[in-house]
Protein backbone atom coordinates (compact mmCIF):
# COMPACT_ATOMS: atom_id res chain seq x y z
CA MET A 1 -4.95 -3.26 2.20
CA LYS A 2 -2.01 -5.60 1.77
CA ILE A 3 0.99 -4.83 -0.40
CA ALA A 4 0.29 -7.88 -2.58
CA GLU A 5 -3.14 -6.46 -3.38
CA VAL A 6 -1.63 -3.06 -4.15
CA ARG A 7 0.90 -4.55 -6.57
CA THR A 8 -1.90 -6.13 -8.64
CA LEU A 9 -3.55 -2.75 -9.34
CA THR A 10 -2.90 -0.73 -12.48
CA ASP A 11 -1.25 2.70 -12.31
CA SER A 12 -4.53 4.52 -12.84
CA GLU A 13 -6.20 2.45 -10.09
CA LEU A 14 -3.30 3.23 -7.74
CA VAL A 15 -3.65 6.96 -8.36
CA ALA A 16 -7.43 6.79 -7.84
CA LYS A 17 -7.07 4.81 -4.60
CA LYS A 18 -4.43 7.25 -3.36
CA LYS A 19 -6.71 10.20 -4.07
CA GLU A 20 -9.63 8.50 -2.28
CA ALA A 21 -7.48 7.67 0.75
CA ARG A 22 -6.17 11.22 1.00
CA GLN A 23 -9.71 12.61 0.77
CA GLU A 24 -10.91 10.23 3.48
CA THR A 25 -7.93 11.20 5.65
CA PHE A 26 -8.87 14.85 5.26
CA ASN A 27 -12.49 14.17 6.23
CA LEU A 28 -11.44 12.11 9.25
CA ARG A 29 -9.08 14.84 10.43
CA LEU A 30 -11.98 17.31 10.28
CA GLN A 31 -14.11 14.91 12.32
CA GLN A 32 -11.24 14.53 14.80
CA GLN A 33 -11.06 18.29 15.30
CA THR A 34 -14.80 18.53 15.92
CA GLY A 35 -14.76 15.54 18.28
CA ALA A 36 -16.98 13.40 16.08
CA LEU A 37 -14.37 10.82 15.08
CA GLU A 38 -15.56 7.33 16.08
CA LYS A 39 -12.57 5.25 14.98
CA PRO A 40 -9.22 7.09 15.37
CA SER A 41 -7.28 3.99 14.31
CA ARG A 42 -8.64 4.48 10.78
CA LEU A 43 -6.32 7.50 10.37
CA LYS A 44 -3.30 5.29 10.98
CA GLU A 45 -4.57 2.66 8.53
CA LEU A 46 -5.11 5.27 5.83
CA ARG A 47 -1.66 6.76 6.35
CA LYS A 48 -0.11 3.32 5.87
CA ASP A 49 -2.27 2.62 2.82
CA VAL A 50 -1.18 5.88 1.18
CA ALA A 51 2.46 4.97 1.88
CA LYS A 52 1.99 1.56 0.23
CA LEU A 53 0.35 3.11 -2.80
CA GLU A 54 3.10 5.72 -3.16
CA THR A 55 5.79 3.06 -2.73
CA VAL A 56 4.41 0.92 -5.55
CA LEU A 57 3.97 3.94 -7.82
CA SER A 58 7.55 4.99 -7.12
CA GLU A 59 8.87 1.48 -7.81
CA ARG A 60 7.06 1.42 -11.14
CA ARG A 61 8.39 4.85 -12.12
CA LYS A 62 11.92 3.66 -11.37
CA GLY A 63 11.33 0.38 -13.20
CA LEU A 64 12.05 -1.85 -10.22
CA LYS A 65 10.90 -5.45 -10.28
CA ILE A 66 9.91 -6.50 -6.78
CA LYS A 67 9.34 -10.17 -6.04
CA SER A 68 6.84 -11.24 -3.44
CA ARG A 69 8.16 -12.93 -0.30
CA VAL A 70 6.66 -16.23 -1.41
CA ALA A 71 8.59 -16.05 -4.69
CA GLN A 72 11.78 -15.16 -2.84
CA LYS A 73 11.39 -18.10 -0.45
CA SER A 74 10.72 -20.56 -3.26
CA ALA A 75 13.75 -19.27 -5.17
CA ALA A 76 15.92 -19.71 -2.08
CA THR A 77 14.57 -23.24 -1.59
CA ASP A 78 15.30 -24.11 -5.24
CA GLU A 79 18.89 -22.89 -4.87
CA LYS A 80 19.38 -25.06 -1.76
CA LYS A 81 18.04 -28.10 -3.60
CA LYS A 82 20.47 -27.56 -6.47
CA LYS A 83 23.45 -27.73 -4.11
């Protein structure tokens, strides 16, 4: 899941996705302990996804407006053209 995709979700969708990811993480950790885990890299992916979801939720609670990198680059290019 990319951060741009996460930013397009509503708050309720973010909370739901976070809950699903945490539940899947729990299930995968159980599989890991029993030796049945087929794809250990999925744990790392889920951990990063949860961090992205929590970051966006935190930004929204604080009222921060975050521009995408594309928007930042185009703004920088516009400023250079003005000079």
